[in-house]
């Protein structure tokens, strides 16, 4: 009887541990890839875990596995128009090619995606950023830049204004994204859209 009771207690303990492990696995799977493409249903690529360094930190150090580092260069606001500079640095050992637009995801305080229409070229938001993309090849240490644009505009008092807290940027569709500092809230009002210029080689 003593041995039978001991076996029962051991079996119960094993079952409890298995249940806890199963619950933990489900929780991780459910939350690991939270988010969504603001232009459609596919989820965003997994965000690179490395933190975005400040401008004073060597951008070539601790290079992500993708071989590039993406970070913001600061924002500017005037007359309700917001502009955030973004740069991509080739910190890898091989040349890196770009030909297109950054892919953006805007997240709220809970890091849930905010559904916005991304305007490549930002033509519907402002002028001067609609130059078509051109092929860019970056050697190690070279940079490409783009500008993210939006307007803090409320045209309907009955529609709740939207403000994102986090921004992730991928070099192109299907490539790993990295979180960048938006330099303040992404306050798009109720416009429902955000714009971005094409990648171009940075000048000195």
C-alpha atoms as a PDB file:
ATOM      1  CA  UNK A   1       0.000   0.000   0.000  1.00  0.00           C
ATOM      2  CA  UNK A   2       2.822   2.410   0.863  1.00  0.00           C
ATOM      3  CA  UNK A   3       4.563   1.672  -2.458  1.00  0.00           C
ATOM      4  CA  UNK A   4       1.287   2.114  -4.382  1.00  0.00           C
ATOM      5  CA  UNK A   5       0.634   5.496  -2.741  1.00  0.00           C
ATOM      6  CA  UNK A   6       4.188   6.588  -3.491  1.00  0.00           C
ATOM      7  CA  UNK A   7       3.755   5.606  -7.120  1.00  0.00           C
ATOM      8  CA  UNK A   8       0.528   7.605  -7.302  1.00  0.00           C
ATOM      9  CA  UNK A   9       2.194  10.680  -5.803  1.00  0.00           C
ATOM     10  CA  UNK A  10       5.110  10.369  -8.233  1.00  0.00           C
ATOM     11  CA  UNK A  11       2.755   9.976 -11.192  1.00  0.00           C
ATOM     12  CA  UNK A  12       0.766  13.015 -10.097  1.00  0.00           C
ATOM     13  CA  UNK A  13       3.936  15.080  -9.775  1.00  0.00           C
ATOM     14  CA  UNK A  14       5.117  14.058 -13.244  1.00  0.00           C
ATOM     15  CA  UNK A  15       1.716  14.927 -14.716  1.00  0.00           C
ATOM     16  CA  UNK A  16       1.736  18.338 -13.009  1.00  0.00           C
ATOM     17  CA  UNK A  17       5.191  19.144 -14.341  1.00  0.00           C
ATOM     18  CA  UNK A  18       4.168  18.057 -17.847  1.00  0.00           C
ATOM     19  CA  UNK A  19       1.069  20.264 -17.684  1.00  0.00           C
ATOM     20  CA  UNK A  20       3.131  23.277 -16.623  1.00  0.00           C
ATOM     21  CA  UNK A  21       5.630  22.698 -19.443  1.00  0.00           C
ATOM     22  CA  UNK A  22       2.821  22.311 -21.980  1.00  0.00           C
ATOM     23  CA  UNK A  23       1.156  25.527 -20.800  1.00  0.00           C
ATOM     24  CA  UNK A  24       4.452  27.411 -20.984  1.00  0.00           C
ATOM     25  CA  UNK A  25       5.088  26.120 -24.504  1.00  0.00           C
ATOM     26  CA  UNK A  26       1.646  27.236 -25.637  1.00  0.00           C
ATOM     27  CA  UNK A  27       2.133  30.677 -24.104  1.00  0.00           C
ATOM     28  CA  UNK A  28       5.477  31.157 -25.872  1.00  0.00           C
ATOM     29  CA  UNK A  29       4.103  30.014 -29.210  1.00  0.00           C
ATOM     30  CA  UNK A  30       1.081  32.287 -28.928  1.00  0.00           C
ATOM     31  CA  UNK A  31       3.070  35.442 -28.161  1.00  0.00           C
ATOM     32  CA  UNK A  32       6.399  34.998 -29.910  1.00  0.00           C
ATOM     33  CA  UNK A  33       5.187  36.304 -33.284  1.00  0.00           C
ATOM     34  CA  UNK A  34       2.502  38.760 -32.267  1.00  0.00           C
ATOM     35  CA  UNK A  35       1.938  41.437 -34.866  1.00  0.00           C
ATOM     36  CA  UNK A  36       0.859  41.786 -38.466  1.00  0.00           C
ATOM     37  CA  UNK A  37       1.712  43.424 -41.754  1.00  0.00           C
ATOM     38  CA  UNK A  38      -0.101  46.794 -41.793  1.00  0.00           C
ATOM     39  CA  UNK A  39      -0.898  46.331 -45.479  1.00  0.00           C
ATOM     40  CA  UNK A  40      -2.285  42.804 -45.226  1.00  0.00           C
ATOM     41  CA  UNK A  41      -2.661  39.630 -43.168  1.00  0.00           C
ATOM     42  CA  UNK A  42       0.865  38.085 -43.314  1.00  0.00           C
ATOM     43  CA  UNK A  43       2.739  38.462 -39.990  1.00  0.00           C
ATOM     44  CA  UNK A  44       5.908  40.563 -39.813  1.00  0.00           C
ATOM     45  CA  UNK A  45       9.303  38.880 -39.786  1.00  0.00           C
ATOM     46  CA  UNK A  46      10.775  38.145 -36.408  1.00  0.00           C
ATOM     47  CA  UNK A  47      12.306  41.274 -34.890  1.00  0.00           C
ATOM     48  CA  UNK A  48      16.052  41.143 -34.300  1.00  0.00           C
ATOM     49  CA  UNK A  49      16.693  40.966 -30.574  1.00  0.00           C
ATOM     50  CA  UNK A  50      19.702  43.305 -30.568  1.00  0.00           C
ATOM     51  CA  UNK A  51      18.974  46.791 -29.289  1.00  0.00           C
ATOM     52  CA  UNK A  52      19.342  49.757 -31.612  1.00  0.00           C
ATOM     53  CA  UNK A  53      22.579  51.545 -30.658  1.00  0.00           C
ATOM     54  CA  UNK A  54      22.840  55.292 -30.301  1.00  0.00           C
ATOM     55  CA  UNK A  55      24.764  57.345 -32.819  1.00  0.00           C
ATOM     56  CA  UNK A  56      27.773  57.341 -30.484  1.00  0.00           C
ATOM     57  CA  UNK A  57      28.051  53.535 -30.530  1.00  0.00           C
ATOM     58  CA  UNK A  58      30.145  51.826 -33.220  1.00  0.00           C
ATOM     59  CA  UNK A  59      27.507  50.572 -35.703  1.00  0.00           C
ATOM     60  CA  UNK A  60      29.864  47.836 -36.944  1.00  0.00           C
ATOM     61  CA  UNK A  61      30.183  46.227 -33.512  1.00  0.00           C
ATOM     62  CA  UNK A  62      27.985  43.255 -32.561  1.00  0.00           C
ATOM     63  CA  UNK A  63      26.535  43.045 -36.057  1.00  0.00           C
ATOM     64  CA  UNK A  64      23.188  41.173 -36.334  1.00  0.00           C
ATOM     65  CA  UNK A  65      23.131  37.874 -38.204  1.00  0.00           C
ATOM     66  CA  UNK A  66      21.465  39.632 -41.159  1.00  0.00           C
ATOM     67  CA  UNK A  67      24.664  41.620 -41.731  1.00  0.00           C
ATOM     68  CA  UNK A  68      22.924  44.996 -41.448  1.00  0.00           C
ATOM     69  CA  UNK A  69      21.917  47.323 -38.655  1.00  0.00           C
ATOM     70  CA  UNK A  70      18.881  49.602 -38.908  1.00  0.00           C
ATOM     71  CA  UNK A  71      18.414  52.609 -36.654  1.00  0.00           C
ATOM     72  CA  UNK A  72      16.716  55.995 -36.626  1.00  0.00           C
ATOM     73  CA  UNK A  73      18.583  59.239 -37.111  1.00  0.00           C
ATOM     74  CA  UNK A  74      16.020  61.420 -35.352  1.00  0.00           C
ATOM     75  CA  UNK A  75      12.726  63.056 -36.170  1.00  0.00           C
ATOM     76  CA  UNK A  76      11.416  66.435 -37.246  1.00  0.00           C
ATOM     77  CA  UNK A  77       7.944  67.916 -36.937  1.00  0.00           C
ATOM     78  CA  UNK A  78       6.513  70.975 -38.620  1.00  0.00           C
ATOM     79  CA  UNK A  79       2.916  72.039 -39.315  1.00  0.00           C
ATOM     80  CA  UNK A  80       1.634  68.583 -38.393  1.00  0.00           C
ATOM     81  CA  UNK A  81       4.012  66.765 -40.749  1.00  0.00           C
ATOM     82  CA  UNK A  82       6.304  64.232 -39.090  1.00  0.00           C
ATOM     83  CA  UNK A  83       9.544  63.013 -40.669  1.00  0.00           C
ATOM     84  CA  UNK A  84      11.758  60.312 -39.172  1.00  0.00           C
ATOM     85  CA  UNK A  85      15.111  59.480 -40.683  1.00  0.00           C
ATOM     86  CA  UNK A  86      16.136  55.820 -40.892  1.00  0.00           C
ATOM     87  CA  UNK A  87      19.535  54.462 -41.870  1.00  0.00           C
ATOM     88  CA  UNK A  88      20.715  50.978 -42.760  1.00  0.00           C
ATOM     89  CA  UNK A  89      24.401  50.210 -42.180  1.00  0.00           C
ATOM     90  CA  UNK A  90      26.201  47.266 -43.744  1.00  0.00           C
ATOM     91  CA  UNK A  91      28.053  45.899 -40.730  1.00  0.00           C
ATOM     92  CA  UNK A  92      28.653  42.488 -42.330  1.00  0.00           C
ATOM     93  CA  UNK A  93      31.581  41.168 -44.296  1.00  0.00           C
ATOM     94  CA  UNK A  94      29.878  41.033 -47.711  1.00  0.00           C
ATOM     95  CA  UNK A  95      28.363  43.641 -50.016  1.00  0.00           C
ATOM     96  CA  UNK A  96      24.664  44.237 -49.316  1.00  0.00           C
ATOM     97  CA  UNK A  97      22.155  45.071 -52.041  1.00  0.00           C
ATOM     98  CA  UNK A  98      18.971  47.131 -51.779  1.00  0.00           C
ATOM     99  CA  UNK A  99      16.394  48.068 -54.389  1.00  0.00           C
ATOM    100  CA  UNK A 100      13.090  49.238 -53.003  1.00  0.00           C
ATOM    101  CA  UNK A 101      11.397  50.564 -49.915  1.00  0.00           C
ATOM    102  CA  UNK A 102      11.748  49.757 -46.221  1.00  0.00           C
ATOM    103  CA  UNK A 103       8.941  47.603 -44.829  1.00  0.00           C
ATOM    104  CA  UNK A 104       7.313  49.131 -41.748  1.00  0.00           C
ATOM    105  CA  UNK A 105       5.236  47.908 -38.818  1.00  0.00           C
ATOM    106  CA  UNK A 106       3.768  50.291 -36.248  1.00  0.00           C
ATOM    107  CA  UNK A 107       2.910  48.846 -32.825  1.00  0.00           C
ATOM    108  CA  UNK A 108       0.934  50.219 -29.902  1.00  0.00           C
ATOM    109  CA  UNK A 109       2.004  50.341 -26.238  1.00  0.00           C
ATOM    110  CA  UNK A 110       1.162  46.642 -25.882  1.00  0.00           C
ATOM    111  CA  UNK A 111       3.298  45.893 -28.955  1.00  0.00           C
ATOM    112  CA  UNK A 112       0.233  44.898 -30.926  1.00  0.00           C
ATOM    113  CA  UNK A 113       0.130  45.939 -34.614  1.00  0.00           C
ATOM    114  CA  UNK A 114      -1.726  49.056 -35.688  1.00  0.00           C
ATOM    115  CA  UNK A 115      -3.277  48.534 -39.090  1.00  0.00           C
ATOM    116  CA  UNK A 116      -2.097  51.348 -41.356  1.00  0.00           C
ATOM    117  CA  UNK A 117      -1.758  51.721 -45.095  1.00  0.00           C
ATOM    118  CA  UNK A 118       1.900  52.147 -46.007  1.00  0.00           C
ATOM    119  CA  UNK A 119       2.363  54.612 -48.892  1.00  0.00           C
ATOM    120  CA  UNK A 120       5.573  53.900 -50.780  1.00  0.00           C
ATOM    121  CA  UNK A 121       6.924  57.265 -51.861  1.00  0.00           C
ATOM    122  CA  UNK A 122       4.656  59.176 -49.452  1.00  0.00           C
ATOM    123  CA  UNK A 123       3.078  61.012 -52.409  1.00  0.00           C
ATOM    124  CA  UNK A 124      -0.313  61.218 -50.680  1.00  0.00           C
ATOM    125  CA  UNK A 125       1.288  62.665 -47.539  1.00  0.00           C
ATOM    126  CA  UNK A 126       3.774  65.213 -48.865  1.00  0.00           C
ATOM    127  CA  UNK A 127       5.929  65.951 -51.891  1.00  0.00           C
ATOM    128  CA  UNK A 128       9.653  65.555 -52.414  1.00  0.00           C
ATOM    129  CA  UNK A 129      10.029  61.942 -51.279  1.00  0.00           C
ATOM    130  CA  UNK A 130       8.589  60.076 -54.263  1.00  0.00           C
ATOM    131  CA  UNK A 131      11.809  59.345 -56.167  1.00  0.00           C
ATOM    132  CA  UNK A 132      11.593  55.759 -57.504  1.00  0.00           C
ATOM    133  CA  UNK A 133      13.916  53.177 -55.998  1.00  0.00           C
ATOM    134  CA  UNK A 134      17.284  52.480 -57.567  1.00  0.00           C
ATOM    135  CA  UNK A 135      19.683  49.583 -56.974  1.00  0.00           C
ATOM    136  CA  UNK A 136      22.090  50.316 -54.126  1.00  0.00           C
ATOM    137  CA  UNK A 137      25.099  48.181 -53.227  1.00  0.00           C
ATOM    138  CA  UNK A 138      26.664  48.851 -49.834  1.00  0.00           C
ATOM    139  CA  UNK A 139      30.170  47.804 -48.911  1.00  0.00           C
ATOM    140  CA  UNK A 140      31.029  47.172 -45.284  1.00  0.00           C
ATOM    141  CA  UNK A 141      30.539  50.376 -43.304  1.00  0.00           C
ATOM    142  CA  UNK A 142      28.472  52.111 -45.985  1.00  0.00           C
ATOM    143  CA  UNK A 143      24.939  53.358 -45.331  1.00  0.00           C
ATOM    144  CA  UNK A 144      21.580  53.733 -47.031  1.00  0.00           C
ATOM    145  CA  UNK A 145      18.906  56.119 -45.790  1.00  0.00           C
ATOM    146  CA  UNK A 146      15.147  56.531 -46.040  1.00  0.00           C
ATOM    147  CA  UNK A 147      12.518  58.773 -44.488  1.00  0.00           C
ATOM    148  CA  UNK A 148       9.321  57.728 -42.730  1.00  0.00           C
ATOM    149  CA  UNK A 149       6.554  60.346 -42.973  1.00  0.00           C
ATOM    150  CA  UNK A 150       3.106  60.848 -41.513  1.00  0.00           C
ATOM    151  CA  UNK A 151       0.714  63.632 -40.560  1.00  0.00           C
ATOM    152  CA  UNK A 152      -0.842  64.275 -37.179  1.00  0.00           C
ATOM    153  CA  UNK A 153      -4.181  65.104 -38.757  1.00  0.00           C
ATOM    154  CA  UNK A 154      -7.680  64.621 -37.359  1.00  0.00           C
ATOM    155  CA  UNK A 155     -10.434  65.171 -39.913  1.00  0.00           C
ATOM    156  CA  UNK A 156     -13.302  63.406 -38.121  1.00  0.00           C
ATOM    157  CA  UNK A 157     -13.945  64.001 -34.420  1.00  0.00           C
ATOM    158  CA  UNK A 158     -15.937  60.757 -34.233  1.00  0.00           C
ATOM    159  CA  UNK A 159     -12.959  58.622 -35.309  1.00  0.00           C
ATOM    160  CA  UNK A 160     -10.423  57.819 -32.591  1.00  0.00           C
ATOM    161  CA  UNK A 161      -6.957  59.174 -33.360  1.00  0.00           C
ATOM    162  CA  UNK A 162      -4.184  56.602 -33.632  1.00  0.00           C
ATOM    163  CA  UNK A 163      -0.764  56.855 -32.024  1.00  0.00           C
ATOM    164  CA  UNK A 164       1.858  54.130 -32.259  1.00  0.00           C
ATOM    165  CA  UNK A 165       4.586  53.669 -29.666  1.00  0.00           C
ATOM    166  CA  UNK A 166       7.007  51.340 -31.456  1.00  0.00           C
ATOM    167  CA  UNK A 167       8.333  51.036 -34.994  1.00  0.00           C
ATOM    168  CA  UNK A 168      10.039  48.082 -36.631  1.00  0.00           C
ATOM    169  CA  UNK A 169      11.738  48.280 -40.007  1.00  0.00           C
ATOM    170  CA  UNK A 170      12.872  45.562 -42.416  1.00  0.00           C
ATOM    171  CA  UNK A 171      15.165  46.226 -45.400  1.00  0.00           C
ATOM    172  CA  UNK A 172      12.633  44.552 -47.718  1.00  0.00           C
ATOM    173  CA  UNK A 173       9.701  42.162 -47.618  1.00  0.00           C
ATOM    174  CA  UNK A 174      10.556  38.785 -46.118  1.00  0.00           C
ATOM    175  CA  UNK A 175      13.739  39.996 -44.405  1.00  0.00           C
ATOM    176  CA  UNK A 176      14.330  40.297 -40.641  1.00  0.00           C
ATOM    177  CA  UNK A 177      12.998  43.455 -39.031  1.00  0.00           C
ATOM    178  CA  UNK A 178      14.672  45.546 -36.363  1.00  0.00           C
ATOM    179  CA  UNK A 179      13.107  47.863 -33.836  1.00  0.00           C
ATOM    180  CA  UNK A 180      14.082  51.513 -34.246  1.00  0.00           C
ATOM    181  CA  UNK A 181      13.515  54.503 -31.993  1.00  0.00           C
ATOM    182  CA  UNK A 182      10.571  56.534 -33.402  1.00  0.00           C
ATOM    183  CA  UNK A 183      11.727  59.615 -31.450  1.00  0.00           C
ATOM    184  CA  UNK A 184       8.253  60.123 -30.023  1.00  0.00           C
ATOM    185  CA  UNK A 185       4.749  58.850 -30.717  1.00  0.00           C
ATOM    186  CA  UNK A 186       3.748  57.909 -34.247  1.00  0.00           C
ATOM    187  CA  UNK A 187       0.687  60.126 -34.096  1.00  0.00           C
ATOM    188  CA  UNK A 188      -1.073  59.577 -37.402  1.00  0.00           C
ATOM    189  CA  UNK A 189      -4.377  61.074 -36.191  1.00  0.00           C
ATOM    190  CA  UNK A 190      -7.170  59.354 -38.104  1.00  0.00           C
ATOM    191  CA  UNK A 191      -5.397  59.409 -41.483  1.00  0.00           C
ATOM    192  CA  UNK A 192      -4.844  55.640 -41.354  1.00  0.00           C
ATOM    193  CA  UNK A 193      -1.611  55.851 -43.327  1.00  0.00           C
ATOM    194  CA  UNK A 194       2.125  56.273 -43.081  1.00  0.00           C
ATOM    195  CA  UNK A 195       4.610  56.935 -45.877  1.00  0.00           C
ATOM    196  CA  UNK A 196       8.178  55.938 -46.596  1.00  0.00           C
ATOM    197  CA  UNK A 197      10.734  56.940 -49.218  1.00  0.00           C
ATOM    198  CA  UNK A 198      12.890  54.493 -51.136  1.00  0.00           C
ATOM    199  CA  UNK A 199      16.319  53.450 -49.884  1.00  0.00           C
ATOM    200  CA  UNK A 200      19.138  55.546 -51.335  1.00  0.00           C
ATOM    201  CA  UNK A 201      22.859  55.623 -50.712  1.00  0.00           C
ATOM    202  CA  UNK A 202      23.797  58.044 -47.966  1.00  0.00           C
ATOM    203  CA  UNK A 203      25.981  61.016 -48.731  1.00  0.00           C
ATOM    204  CA  UNK A 204      28.811  61.935 -46.395  1.00  0.00           C
END
